Amino acid sequence: MSFTGTLDKCKACDKTVYVVDLLTADGITYHKSCFKCSHCKGTLVMSNYSSMDGVLYCKTHFEQLFKESGNFSKNFQTTGKPEREHSTVPNKLSSLFCGTQDKCPACKKTVYPLEKVTMEGESFHKSCFKCAHGGCPLTHCSYAALDGVLYCKHHFAQLFMEKGNYNHVLEAATHKKSGVALVEPEPEPAENNESNSEPDQTQE
């Protein structure tokens, strides 16, 4: 008796699927190489896919499809003109469905949930969550913040120990936020050394 293989056909390409290349999702058979998002063609894994009527999507595009159309019509937004203009200010209820309005304080761009780090009520991109002084990547337990500016603990301590107080750190943070270059004041030249050379009058 010879082995004849499987008679299952891949939902994506309609070709025979052999056991070594078989992947089953929601009771539907696919080649492992055909298990891709129908929109971006990115390879999917069992933990990050969604499907609607047998059409596969990555989680990102499945959510985008739903958010843009408001229903599961399987059509991404076209380039045609919208039938009516929508208000640019979302109401409280629509903010539940239209995604995030969070802006990263470091780069001022929108922060989406997959790339978000929340610290002290602010939402940062993971790539922007770094030390303002040295650019070191930060974690929840390795940062210090002063006036909304993030530092690694090493540089924060170094900046504090440099002058013995936080005034220069606050000044640097203010200049960093406003985008103005910090200029160190030049020391004033001594005009008359004789007036400064008074004898030491300490009492013994």
N, C-alpha and C. Protein backbone atom coordinates (compact mmCIF):
# COMPACT_ATOMS: atom_id res chain seq x y z
N MET A 1 0.84 -1.17 0.00
CA MET A 1 0.00 0.00 0.00
C MET A 1 0.89 1.24 0.00
N SER A 2 0.68 2.14 -0.90
CA SER A 2 1.50 3.34 -1.00
C SER A 2 0.78 4.52 -0.37
N PHE A 3 1.60 5.50 0.11
CA PHE A 3 1.04 6.70 0.73
C PHE A 3 0.67 7.67 -0.38
N THR A 4 -0.57 8.11 -0.38
CA THR A 4 -1.03 9.00 -1.44
C THR A 4 -1.02 10.47 -1.02
N GLY A 5 -0.83 10.76 0.25
CA GLY A 5 -0.78 12.14 0.72
C GLY A 5 -2.15 12.66 1.06
N THR A 6 -2.26 13.95 1.15
CA THR A 6 -3.52 14.58 1.55
C THR A 6 -4.25 15.13 0.33
N LEU A 7 -5.51 15.27 0.46
CA LEU A 7 -6.32 15.84 -0.61
C LEU A 7 -6.74 17.27 -0.29
N ASP A 8 -6.23 17.79 0.84
CA ASP A 8 -6.58 19.15 1.25
C ASP A 8 -5.98 20.17 0.30
N LYS A 9 -6.76 21.20 0.01
CA LYS A 9 -6.31 22.30 -0.84
C LYS A 9 -6.12 23.55 0.03
N CYS A 10 -5.09 24.31 -0.30
CA CYS A 10 -4.81 25.57 0.41
C CYS A 10 -5.89 26.59 0.06
N LYS A 11 -6.45 27.24 1.06
CA LYS A 11 -7.49 28.26 0.85
C LYS A 11 -6.94 29.44 0.06
N ALA A 12 -5.64 29.77 0.23
CA ALA A 12 -5.06 30.94 -0.41
C ALA A 12 -4.71 30.70 -1.88
N CYS A 13 -4.06 29.56 -2.18
CA CYS A 13 -3.57 29.33 -3.55
C CYS A 13 -4.30 28.20 -4.27
N ASP A 14 -5.15 27.46 -3.57
CA ASP A 14 -5.95 26.37 -4.13
C ASP A 14 -5.10 25.22 -4.67
N LYS A 15 -3.91 25.04 -4.11
CA LYS A 15 -3.05 23.91 -4.48
C LYS A 15 -3.04 22.90 -3.34
N THR A 16 -2.63 21.68 -3.65
CA THR A 16 -2.58 20.61 -2.66
C THR A 16 -1.59 20.95 -1.55
N VAL A 17 -2.00 20.65 -0.31
CA VAL A 17 -1.15 20.91 0.85
C VAL A 17 -0.67 19.57 1.39
N TYR A 18 0.66 19.39 1.44
CA TYR A 18 1.23 18.16 1.99
C TYR A 18 1.44 18.33 3.50
N VAL A 19 1.51 17.22 4.18
CA VAL A 19 1.55 17.22 5.65
C VAL A 19 2.68 18.08 6.21
N VAL A 20 3.86 18.06 5.60
CA VAL A 20 4.99 18.82 6.14
C VAL A 20 4.78 20.33 6.01
N ASP A 21 3.89 20.75 5.13
CA ASP A 21 3.65 22.18 4.91
C ASP A 21 2.24 22.59 5.34
N LEU A 22 1.58 21.75 6.11
CA LEU A 22 0.18 21.95 6.49
C LEU A 22 0.05 22.87 7.70
N LEU A 23 -0.85 23.84 7.59
CA LEU A 23 -1.19 24.71 8.71
C LEU A 23 -2.71 24.86 8.69
N THR A 24 -3.35 24.65 9.82
CA THR A 24 -4.81 24.77 9.89
C THR A 24 -5.17 25.87 10.86
N ALA A 25 -5.98 26.82 10.38
CA ALA A 25 -6.45 27.92 11.22
C ALA A 25 -7.96 28.04 11.03
N ASP A 26 -8.69 28.05 12.10
CA ASP A 26 -10.16 28.13 12.06
C ASP A 26 -10.76 27.03 11.20
N GLY A 27 -10.13 25.86 11.19
CA GLY A 27 -10.63 24.73 10.42
C GLY A 27 -10.34 24.82 8.93
N ILE A 28 -9.55 25.80 8.52
CA ILE A 28 -9.22 26.00 7.10
C ILE A 28 -7.75 25.65 6.90
N THR A 29 -7.45 24.98 5.80
CA THR A 29 -6.09 24.51 5.52
C THR A 29 -5.33 25.53 4.67
N TYR A 30 -4.06 25.76 5.04
CA TYR A 30 -3.16 26.67 4.32
C TYR A 30 -1.79 26.03 4.21
N HIS A 31 -1.02 26.45 3.19
CA HIS A 31 0.42 26.19 3.21
C HIS A 31 1.00 27.14 4.26
N LYS A 32 2.07 26.76 4.91
CA LYS A 32 2.71 27.66 5.87
C LYS A 32 3.14 28.95 5.17
N SER A 33 3.61 28.84 3.92
CA SER A 33 4.07 30.02 3.18
C SER A 33 2.91 30.88 2.68
N CYS A 34 1.70 30.35 2.64
CA CYS A 34 0.53 31.12 2.19
C CYS A 34 -0.22 31.77 3.35
N PHE A 35 0.20 31.52 4.57
CA PHE A 35 -0.47 32.05 5.75
C PHE A 35 0.01 33.48 5.96
N LYS A 36 -0.55 34.42 5.15
CA LYS A 36 -0.10 35.81 5.12
C LYS A 36 -1.29 36.75 5.21
N CYS A 37 -1.01 37.97 5.64
CA CYS A 37 -2.02 39.02 5.66
C CYS A 37 -2.41 39.35 4.22
N SER A 38 -3.70 39.41 3.94
CA SER A 38 -4.14 39.69 2.58
C SER A 38 -3.88 41.14 2.18
N HIS A 39 -3.60 42.01 3.14
CA HIS A 39 -3.36 43.41 2.82
C HIS A 39 -1.87 43.72 2.65
N CYS A 40 -1.05 43.36 3.65
CA CYS A 40 0.38 43.72 3.61
C CYS A 40 1.27 42.57 3.18
N LYS A 41 0.71 41.38 3.04
CA LYS A 41 1.45 40.17 2.65
C LYS A 41 2.49 39.75 3.68
N GLY A 42 2.38 40.26 4.90
CA GLY A 42 3.29 39.86 5.97
C GLY A 42 2.96 38.46 6.47
N THR A 43 3.99 37.68 6.79
CA THR A 43 3.79 36.32 7.28
C THR A 43 3.13 36.36 8.65
N LEU A 44 2.14 35.50 8.84
CA LEU A 44 1.39 35.46 10.09
C LEU A 44 1.81 34.26 10.93
N VAL A 45 1.57 34.36 12.22
CA VAL A 45 1.72 33.23 13.12
C VAL A 45 0.38 33.07 13.84
N MET A 46 0.21 31.94 14.48
CA MET A 46 -1.09 31.65 15.10
C MET A 46 -1.48 32.67 16.16
N SER A 47 -0.52 33.34 16.77
CA SER A 47 -0.84 34.27 17.85
C SER A 47 -1.11 35.69 17.37
N ASN A 48 -0.89 36.00 16.07
CA ASN A 48 -1.09 37.39 15.64
C ASN A 48 -1.94 37.54 14.39
N TYR A 49 -2.91 36.68 14.17
CA TYR A 49 -3.72 36.83 12.98
C TYR A 49 -5.19 36.98 13.35
N SER A 50 -5.93 37.54 12.41
CA SER A 50 -7.38 37.60 12.49
C SER A 50 -7.91 37.22 11.12
N SER A 51 -9.13 36.74 11.07
CA SER A 51 -9.70 36.41 9.77
C SER A 51 -11.17 36.78 9.75
N MET A 52 -11.64 37.10 8.57
CA MET A 52 -13.05 37.40 8.37
C MET A 52 -13.47 36.71 7.09
N ASP A 53 -14.40 35.77 7.18
CA ASP A 53 -14.87 34.99 6.04
C ASP A 53 -13.72 34.31 5.31
N GLY A 54 -12.74 33.81 6.05
CA GLY A 54 -11.62 33.09 5.46
C GLY A 54 -10.53 33.98 4.90
N VAL A 55 -10.68 35.29 4.99
CA VAL A 55 -9.65 36.23 4.53
C VAL A 55 -8.76 36.55 5.72
N LEU A 56 -7.45 36.37 5.56
CA LEU A 56 -6.51 36.56 6.66
C LEU A 56 -5.99 37.99 6.73
N TYR A 57 -5.81 38.47 7.96
CA TYR A 57 -5.24 39.78 8.21
C TYR A 57 -4.31 39.69 9.41
N CYS A 58 -3.27 40.54 9.42
CA CYS A 58 -2.50 40.72 10.65
C CYS A 58 -3.39 41.54 11.58
N LYS A 59 -3.10 41.50 12.87
CA LYS A 59 -3.94 42.20 13.85
C LYS A 59 -4.04 43.70 13.53
N THR A 60 -2.92 44.29 13.11
CA THR A 60 -2.89 45.73 12.83
C THR A 60 -3.85 46.08 11.71
N HIS A 61 -3.79 45.36 10.59
CA HIS A 61 -4.66 45.68 9.46
C HIS A 61 -6.11 45.28 9.69
N PHE A 62 -6.33 44.26 10.49
CA PHE A 62 -7.71 43.89 10.83
C PHE A 62 -8.35 45.01 11.63
N GLU A 63 -7.61 45.55 12.62
CA GLU A 63 -8.13 46.66 13.42
C GLU A 63 -8.30 47.91 12.56
N GLN A 64 -7.33 48.17 11.67
CA GLN A 64 -7.40 49.33 10.79
C GLN A 64 -8.62 49.22 9.88
N LEU A 65 -8.85 48.05 9.34
CA LEU A 65 -9.99 47.83 8.46
C LEU A 65 -11.30 48.12 9.19
N PHE A 66 -11.40 47.67 10.42
CA PHE A 66 -12.61 47.90 11.19
C PHE A 66 -12.75 49.38 11.55
N LYS A 67 -11.67 50.01 11.97
CA LYS A 67 -11.73 51.40 12.40
C LYS A 67 -12.04 52.34 11.24
N GLU A 68 -11.46 52.09 10.05
CA GLU A 68 -11.68 52.99 8.92
C GLU A 68 -13.09 52.87 8.36
N SER A 69 -13.60 51.65 8.29
CA SER A 69 -14.90 51.47 7.66
C SER A 69 -16.05 51.46 8.67
N GLY A 70 -15.75 51.17 9.93
CA GLY A 70 -16.79 51.07 10.93
C GLY A 70 -17.53 49.75 10.89
N ASN A 71 -17.19 48.91 9.93
CA ASN A 71 -17.76 47.58 9.85
C ASN A 71 -16.75 46.66 9.20
N PHE A 72 -17.06 45.40 9.11
CA PHE A 72 -16.14 44.43 8.52
C PHE A 72 -16.49 44.20 7.05
N SER A 73 -16.37 45.24 6.23
CA SER A 73 -16.75 45.13 4.83
C SER A 73 -15.63 44.59 3.96
N LYS A 74 -14.45 44.34 4.53
CA LYS A 74 -13.27 43.83 3.83
C LYS A 74 -12.73 44.80 2.78
N ASN A 75 -13.08 46.07 2.88
CA ASN A 75 -12.57 47.07 1.95
C ASN A 75 -11.82 48.14 2.73
N PHE A 76 -10.57 48.33 2.37
CA PHE A 76 -9.82 49.42 2.98
C PHE A 76 -10.26 50.71 2.32
N GLN A 77 -10.04 51.82 2.98
CA GLN A 77 -10.49 53.11 2.49
C GLN A 77 -9.89 53.39 1.12
N THR A 78 -10.72 53.82 0.20
CA THR A 78 -10.25 54.12 -1.15
C THR A 78 -9.81 55.57 -1.22
N THR A 79 -9.21 55.95 -2.36
CA THR A 79 -8.71 57.31 -2.50
C THR A 79 -9.78 58.27 -3.00
N GLY A 80 -11.00 57.79 -3.21
CA GLY A 80 -12.08 58.66 -3.67
C GLY A 80 -12.45 59.68 -2.62
N LYS A 81 -13.20 60.72 -3.05
CA LYS A 81 -13.59 61.77 -2.11
C LYS A 81 -14.65 61.24 -1.16
N PRO A 82 -14.58 61.63 0.10
CA PRO A 82 -15.62 61.21 1.03
C PRO A 82 -16.94 61.89 0.68
N GLU A 83 -18.04 61.25 1.03
CA GLU A 83 -19.34 61.80 0.71
C GLU A 83 -19.63 63.07 1.50
N ARG A 84 -19.14 63.15 2.73
CA ARG A 84 -19.34 64.35 3.53
C ARG A 84 -18.11 64.57 4.40
N GLU A 85 -17.92 65.80 4.79
CA GLU A 85 -16.78 66.14 5.63
C GLU A 85 -17.07 65.72 7.07
N HIS A 86 -16.08 65.20 7.74
CA HIS A 86 -16.21 64.81 9.13
C HIS A 86 -15.55 65.84 10.01
N SER A 87 -16.07 66.01 11.19
CA SER A 87 -15.47 66.91 12.16
C SER A 87 -14.10 66.37 12.57
N THR A 88 -13.11 67.25 12.70
CA THR A 88 -11.77 66.81 13.09
C THR A 88 -11.65 66.63 14.59
N VAL A 89 -12.64 67.09 15.35
CA VAL A 89 -12.59 66.95 16.80
C VAL A 89 -13.47 65.76 17.19
N PRO A 90 -12.86 64.68 17.68
CA PRO A 90 -13.68 63.52 18.04
C PRO A 90 -14.44 63.76 19.34
N ASN A 91 -15.65 63.20 19.41
CA ASN A 91 -16.37 63.30 20.68
C ASN A 91 -15.90 62.19 21.60
N LYS A 92 -16.39 62.19 22.84
CA LYS A 92 -15.90 61.23 23.83
C LYS A 92 -16.18 59.79 23.42
N LEU A 93 -17.34 59.52 22.84
CA LEU A 93 -17.69 58.17 22.45
C LEU A 93 -16.85 57.69 21.27
N SER A 94 -16.62 58.57 20.29
CA SER A 94 -15.85 58.14 19.12
C SER A 94 -14.40 57.89 19.45
N SER A 95 -13.88 58.51 20.51
CA SER A 95 -12.48 58.28 20.88
C SER A 95 -12.25 56.85 21.32
N LEU A 96 -13.32 56.14 21.71
CA LEU A 96 -13.18 54.74 22.07
C LEU A 96 -12.88 53.88 20.85
N PHE A 97 -13.30 54.34 19.66
CA PHE A 97 -13.19 53.54 18.46
C PHE A 97 -12.18 54.06 17.44
N CYS A 98 -11.74 55.29 17.56
CA CYS A 98 -10.89 55.86 16.51
C CYS A 98 -9.40 55.74 16.81
N GLY A 99 -9.03 55.01 17.82
CA GLY A 99 -7.61 54.85 18.11
C GLY A 99 -7.17 55.83 19.17
N THR A 100 -5.89 56.08 19.21
CA THR A 100 -5.32 56.89 20.27
C THR A 100 -5.15 58.34 19.83
N GLN A 101 -5.22 59.23 20.78
CA GLN A 101 -4.93 60.64 20.55
C GLN A 101 -3.66 61.04 21.29
N ASP A 102 -2.99 60.06 21.91
CA ASP A 102 -1.79 60.33 22.70
C ASP A 102 -0.66 60.82 21.81
N LYS A 103 0.03 61.85 22.27
CA LYS A 103 1.20 62.38 21.56
C LYS A 103 2.43 62.17 22.44
N CYS A 104 3.51 61.76 21.82
CA CYS A 104 4.77 61.57 22.52
C CYS A 104 5.35 62.94 22.86
N PRO A 105 5.67 63.21 24.13
CA PRO A 105 6.24 64.52 24.48
C PRO A 105 7.63 64.74 23.89
N ALA A 106 8.33 63.67 23.53
CA ALA A 106 9.68 63.82 23.00
C ALA A 106 9.66 64.24 21.53
N CYS A 107 8.82 63.59 20.70
CA CYS A 107 8.82 63.88 19.25
C CYS A 107 7.53 64.53 18.77
N LYS A 108 6.53 64.64 19.64
CA LYS A 108 5.24 65.28 19.35
C LYS A 108 4.41 64.53 18.31
N LYS A 109 4.70 63.26 18.06
CA LYS A 109 3.93 62.46 17.11
C LYS A 109 2.98 61.52 17.86
N THR A 110 1.98 60.99 17.14
CA THR A 110 1.00 60.09 17.74
C THR A 110 1.67 58.81 18.22
N VAL A 111 1.26 58.36 19.40
CA VAL A 111 1.79 57.11 19.97
C VAL A 111 0.69 56.06 19.90
N TYR A 112 0.96 54.97 19.18
CA TYR A 112 -0.01 53.88 19.05
C TYR A 112 0.26 52.83 20.13
N PRO A 113 -0.75 52.06 20.52
CA PRO A 113 -0.62 51.15 21.66
C PRO A 113 0.55 50.17 21.59
N LEU A 114 0.89 49.67 20.42
CA LEU A 114 1.97 48.69 20.33
C LEU A 114 3.35 49.28 20.58
N GLU A 115 3.48 50.59 20.44
CA GLU A 115 4.79 51.22 20.62
C GLU A 115 4.81 52.17 21.82
N LYS A 116 3.84 52.02 22.73
CA LYS A 116 3.67 52.98 23.82
C LYS A 116 4.31 52.53 25.12
N VAL A 117 4.99 53.49 25.78
CA VAL A 117 5.48 53.33 27.14
C VAL A 117 4.88 54.49 27.92
N THR A 118 4.17 54.21 29.00
CA THR A 118 3.53 55.26 29.79
C THR A 118 4.30 55.48 31.08
N MET A 119 4.74 56.71 31.27
CA MET A 119 5.46 57.09 32.48
C MET A 119 4.92 58.42 32.97
N GLU A 120 4.58 58.47 34.25
CA GLU A 120 4.12 59.70 34.90
C GLU A 120 3.00 60.38 34.11
N GLY A 121 2.07 59.59 33.59
CA GLY A 121 0.93 60.13 32.87
C GLY A 121 1.21 60.53 31.43
N GLU A 122 2.42 60.37 30.97
CA GLU A 122 2.81 60.71 29.59
C GLU A 122 3.00 59.43 28.79
N SER A 123 2.65 59.46 27.51
CA SER A 123 2.84 58.31 26.63
C SER A 123 4.01 58.59 25.69
N PHE A 124 5.03 57.73 25.76
CA PHE A 124 6.22 57.86 24.93
C PHE A 124 6.27 56.72 23.92
N HIS A 125 6.91 56.96 22.76
CA HIS A 125 7.29 55.85 21.89
C HIS A 125 8.40 55.09 22.61
N LYS A 126 8.48 53.79 22.41
CA LYS A 126 9.56 53.01 23.02
C LYS A 126 10.91 53.56 22.57
N SER A 127 11.00 53.98 21.30
CA SER A 127 12.27 54.49 20.78
C SER A 127 12.61 55.88 21.32
N CYS A 128 11.62 56.62 21.80
CA CYS A 128 11.86 57.96 22.35
C CYS A 128 12.09 57.94 23.86
N PHE A 129 11.87 56.79 24.48
CA PHE A 129 12.01 56.68 25.93
C PHE A 129 13.48 56.46 26.25
N LYS A 130 14.25 57.58 26.19
CA LYS A 130 15.69 57.51 26.42
C LYS A 130 16.15 58.75 27.17
N CYS A 131 17.36 58.67 27.68
CA CYS A 131 17.96 59.74 28.48
C CYS A 131 18.16 60.99 27.62
N ALA A 132 17.71 62.14 28.13
CA ALA A 132 17.86 63.40 27.41
C ALA A 132 19.31 63.86 27.35
N HIS A 133 20.13 63.40 28.28
CA HIS A 133 21.53 63.83 28.33
C HIS A 133 22.43 62.94 27.49
N GLY A 134 22.31 61.62 27.66
CA GLY A 134 23.22 60.71 26.96
C GLY A 134 22.57 59.84 25.90
N GLY A 135 21.24 59.88 25.78
CA GLY A 135 20.56 59.06 24.79
C GLY A 135 20.46 57.59 25.15
N CYS A 136 20.74 57.24 26.41
CA CYS A 136 20.68 55.83 26.85
C CYS A 136 19.23 55.36 26.84
N PRO A 137 18.97 54.12 26.42
CA PRO A 137 17.60 53.60 26.53
C PRO A 137 17.22 53.44 28.00
N LEU A 138 15.96 53.72 28.32
CA LEU A 138 15.49 53.69 29.70
C LEU A 138 14.51 52.55 29.91
N THR A 139 14.34 52.16 31.17
CA THR A 139 13.30 51.22 31.57
C THR A 139 12.50 51.87 32.69
N HIS A 140 11.43 51.21 33.12
CA HIS A 140 10.60 51.76 34.19
C HIS A 140 11.38 51.97 35.48
N CYS A 141 12.41 51.18 35.71
CA CYS A 141 13.14 51.29 36.97
C CYS A 141 14.50 51.97 36.81
N SER A 142 14.85 52.44 35.61
CA SER A 142 16.19 53.03 35.43
C SER A 142 16.13 54.48 34.99
N TYR A 143 15.05 55.19 35.32
CA TYR A 143 14.96 56.57 34.86
C TYR A 143 14.68 57.51 36.03
N ALA A 144 14.98 58.78 35.80
CA ALA A 144 14.61 59.85 36.71
C ALA A 144 14.08 60.97 35.83
N ALA A 145 13.05 61.64 36.27
CA ALA A 145 12.45 62.71 35.48
C ALA A 145 12.47 64.00 36.29
N LEU A 146 12.78 65.07 35.62
CA LEU A 146 12.76 66.38 36.26
C LEU A 146 12.14 67.36 35.28
N ASP A 147 11.04 67.96 35.68
CA ASP A 147 10.34 68.93 34.85
C ASP A 147 9.96 68.33 33.49
N GLY A 148 9.56 67.06 33.48
CA GLY A 148 9.12 66.40 32.26
C GLY A 148 10.23 65.92 31.35
N VAL A 149 11.48 66.10 31.74
CA VAL A 149 12.61 65.64 30.94
C VAL A 149 13.16 64.37 31.58
N LEU A 150 13.38 63.34 30.76
CA LEU A 150 13.83 62.04 31.26
C LEU A 150 15.35 61.92 31.24
N TYR A 151 15.88 61.29 32.28
CA TYR A 151 17.31 61.02 32.39
C TYR A 151 17.50 59.60 32.90
N CYS A 152 18.62 58.99 32.54
CA CYS A 152 18.98 57.73 33.20
C CYS A 152 19.48 58.13 34.59
N LYS A 153 19.42 57.21 35.53
CA LYS A 153 19.81 57.53 36.91
C LYS A 153 21.27 57.95 36.99
N HIS A 154 22.12 57.34 36.16
CA HIS A 154 23.55 57.67 36.17
C HIS A 154 23.77 59.13 35.78
N HIS A 155 23.19 59.56 34.65
CA HIS A 155 23.40 60.93 34.21
C HIS A 155 22.68 61.93 35.12
N PHE A 156 21.54 61.55 35.67
CA PHE A 156 20.84 62.43 36.59
C PHE A 156 21.70 62.70 37.82
N ALA A 157 22.29 61.64 38.38
CA ALA A 157 23.17 61.80 39.54
C ALA A 157 24.41 62.60 39.16
N GLN A 158 24.95 62.34 37.96
CA GLN A 158 26.14 63.05 37.50
C GLN A 158 25.84 64.54 37.35
N LEU A 159 24.70 64.89 36.79
CA LEU A 159 24.34 66.29 36.62
C LEU A 159 24.09 66.96 37.96
N PHE A 160 23.52 66.23 38.91
CA PHE A 160 23.26 66.79 40.23
C PHE A 160 24.56 67.01 40.98
N MET A 161 25.46 66.03 40.94
CA MET A 161 26.71 66.12 41.69
C MET A 161 27.64 67.18 41.09
N GLU A 162 27.45 67.52 39.82
CA GLU A 162 28.31 68.48 39.14
C GLU A 162 28.27 69.85 39.84
N LYS A 163 27.07 70.31 40.23
CA LYS A 163 26.94 71.62 40.84
C LYS A 163 26.44 71.56 42.28
N GLY A 164 25.94 70.43 42.71
CA GLY A 164 25.45 70.31 44.07
C GLY A 164 24.00 70.67 44.26
N ASN A 165 23.31 71.11 43.20
CA ASN A 165 21.87 71.38 43.29
C ASN A 165 21.23 71.12 41.93
N TYR A 166 19.92 71.31 41.87
CA TYR A 166 19.20 70.99 40.64
C TYR A 166 19.01 72.20 39.72
N ASN A 167 19.51 73.37 40.10
CA ASN A 167 19.24 74.57 39.32
C ASN A 167 19.72 74.46 37.88
N HIS A 168 20.93 73.96 37.66
CA HIS A 168 21.43 73.86 36.29
C HIS A 168 20.70 72.78 35.51
N VAL A 169 20.22 71.74 36.20
CA VAL A 169 19.44 70.70 35.52
C VAL A 169 18.09 71.26 35.10
N LEU A 170 17.45 72.04 35.99
CA LEU A 170 16.18 72.68 35.65
C LEU A 170 16.36 73.65 34.48
N GLU A 171 17.45 74.41 34.50
CA GLU A 171 17.73 75.35 33.42
C GLU A 171 17.95 74.62 32.10
N ALA A 172 18.69 73.53 32.14
CA ALA A 172 18.93 72.73 30.93
C ALA A 172 17.62 72.13 30.43
N ALA A 173 16.76 71.68 31.34
CA ALA A 173 15.47 71.10 30.95
C ALA A 173 14.60 72.15 30.29
N THR A 174 14.60 73.37 30.84
CA THR A 174 13.80 74.45 30.26
C THR A 174 14.29 74.78 28.86
N HIS A 175 15.61 74.87 28.68
CA HIS A 175 16.16 75.17 27.37
C HIS A 175 15.91 74.03 26.39
N LYS A 176 15.96 72.80 26.87
CA LYS A 176 15.74 71.63 26.00
C LYS A 176 14.30 71.63 25.50
N LYS A 177 13.35 71.98 26.39
CA LYS A 177 11.94 72.01 25.99
C LYS A 177 11.68 73.13 24.99
N SER A 178 12.31 74.30 25.19
CA SER A 178 12.06 75.42 24.31
C SER A 178 12.90 75.38 23.05
N GLY A 179 13.89 74.49 23.00
CA GLY A 179 14.73 74.35 21.81
C GLY A 179 15.83 75.39 21.72
N VAL A 180 16.07 76.14 22.80
CA VAL A 180 17.11 77.17 22.81
C VAL A 180 18.40 76.55 23.33
N ALA A 181 19.50 76.88 22.68
CA ALA A 181 20.80 76.36 23.12
C ALA A 181 21.18 76.99 24.45
N LEU A 182 21.68 76.17 25.32
CA LEU A 182 22.10 76.63 26.64
C LEU A 182 23.47 77.28 26.52
N VAL A 183 23.58 78.55 26.97
CA VAL A 183 24.85 79.28 26.91
C VAL A 183 25.35 79.48 28.33
N GLU A 184 26.56 79.03 28.57
CA GLU A 184 27.18 79.20 29.89
C GLU A 184 27.62 80.66 30.04
N PRO A 185 27.32 81.31 31.16
CA PRO A 185 27.79 82.68 31.37
C PRO A 185 29.30 82.71 31.54
N GLU A 186 29.93 83.74 30.93
CA GLU A 186 31.38 83.86 31.03
C GLU A 186 31.73 84.49 32.37
N PRO A 187 32.82 84.05 33.00
CA PRO A 187 33.22 84.65 34.28
C PRO A 187 33.66 86.09 34.06
N GLU A 188 33.31 86.95 35.03
CA GLU A 188 33.67 88.36 34.93
C GLU A 188 35.15 88.52 35.27
N PRO A 189 35.88 89.32 34.48
CA PRO A 189 37.30 89.53 34.78
C PRO A 189 37.46 90.41 36.02
N ALA A 190 38.48 90.11 36.80
CA ALA A 190 38.76 90.89 38.01
C ALA A 190 39.37 92.22 37.59
N GLU A 191 38.72 93.35 38.02
CA GLU A 191 39.18 94.67 37.62
C GLU A 191 40.39 95.13 38.44
N ASN A 192 40.31 94.89 39.71
CA ASN A 192 41.35 95.43 40.55
C ASN A 192 41.70 94.39 41.60
N ASN A 193 42.88 93.85 41.51
CA ASN A 193 43.30 92.82 42.45
C ASN A 193 43.57 93.39 43.83
N GLU A 194 43.88 94.71 43.93
CA GLU A 194 44.21 95.31 45.21
C GLU A 194 42.98 95.37 46.12
N SER A 195 41.81 95.67 45.52
CA SER A 195 40.61 95.79 46.35
C SER A 195 40.17 94.42 46.86
N ASN A 196 40.52 93.35 46.14
CA ASN A 196 40.14 92.01 46.54
C ASN A 196 41.13 91.40 47.51
N SER A 197 42.30 92.00 47.66
CA SER A 197 43.33 91.39 48.50
C SER A 197 43.35 92.01 49.88
N GLU A 198 42.22 92.00 50.57
CA GLU A 198 42.16 92.50 51.93
C GLU A 198 42.73 91.45 52.86
N PRO A 199 43.37 91.87 53.93
CA PRO A 199 43.94 90.90 54.86
C PRO A 199 42.84 90.10 55.55
N ASP A 200 43.15 88.86 55.84
CA ASP A 200 42.23 87.96 56.51
C ASP A 200 42.08 88.40 57.96
N GLN A 201 40.85 88.72 58.37
CA GLN A 201 40.62 89.22 59.71
C GLN A 201 39.82 88.21 60.52
N THR A 202 40.31 87.02 60.59
CA THR A 202 39.62 86.00 61.38
C THR A 202 40.04 86.14 62.83
N GLN A 203 39.10 85.94 63.72
CA GLN A 203 39.41 86.03 65.14
C GLN A 203 39.85 84.68 65.64
N GLU A 204 40.82 84.72 66.54
CA GLU A 204 41.34 83.47 67.08
C GLU A 204 40.87 83.27 68.48
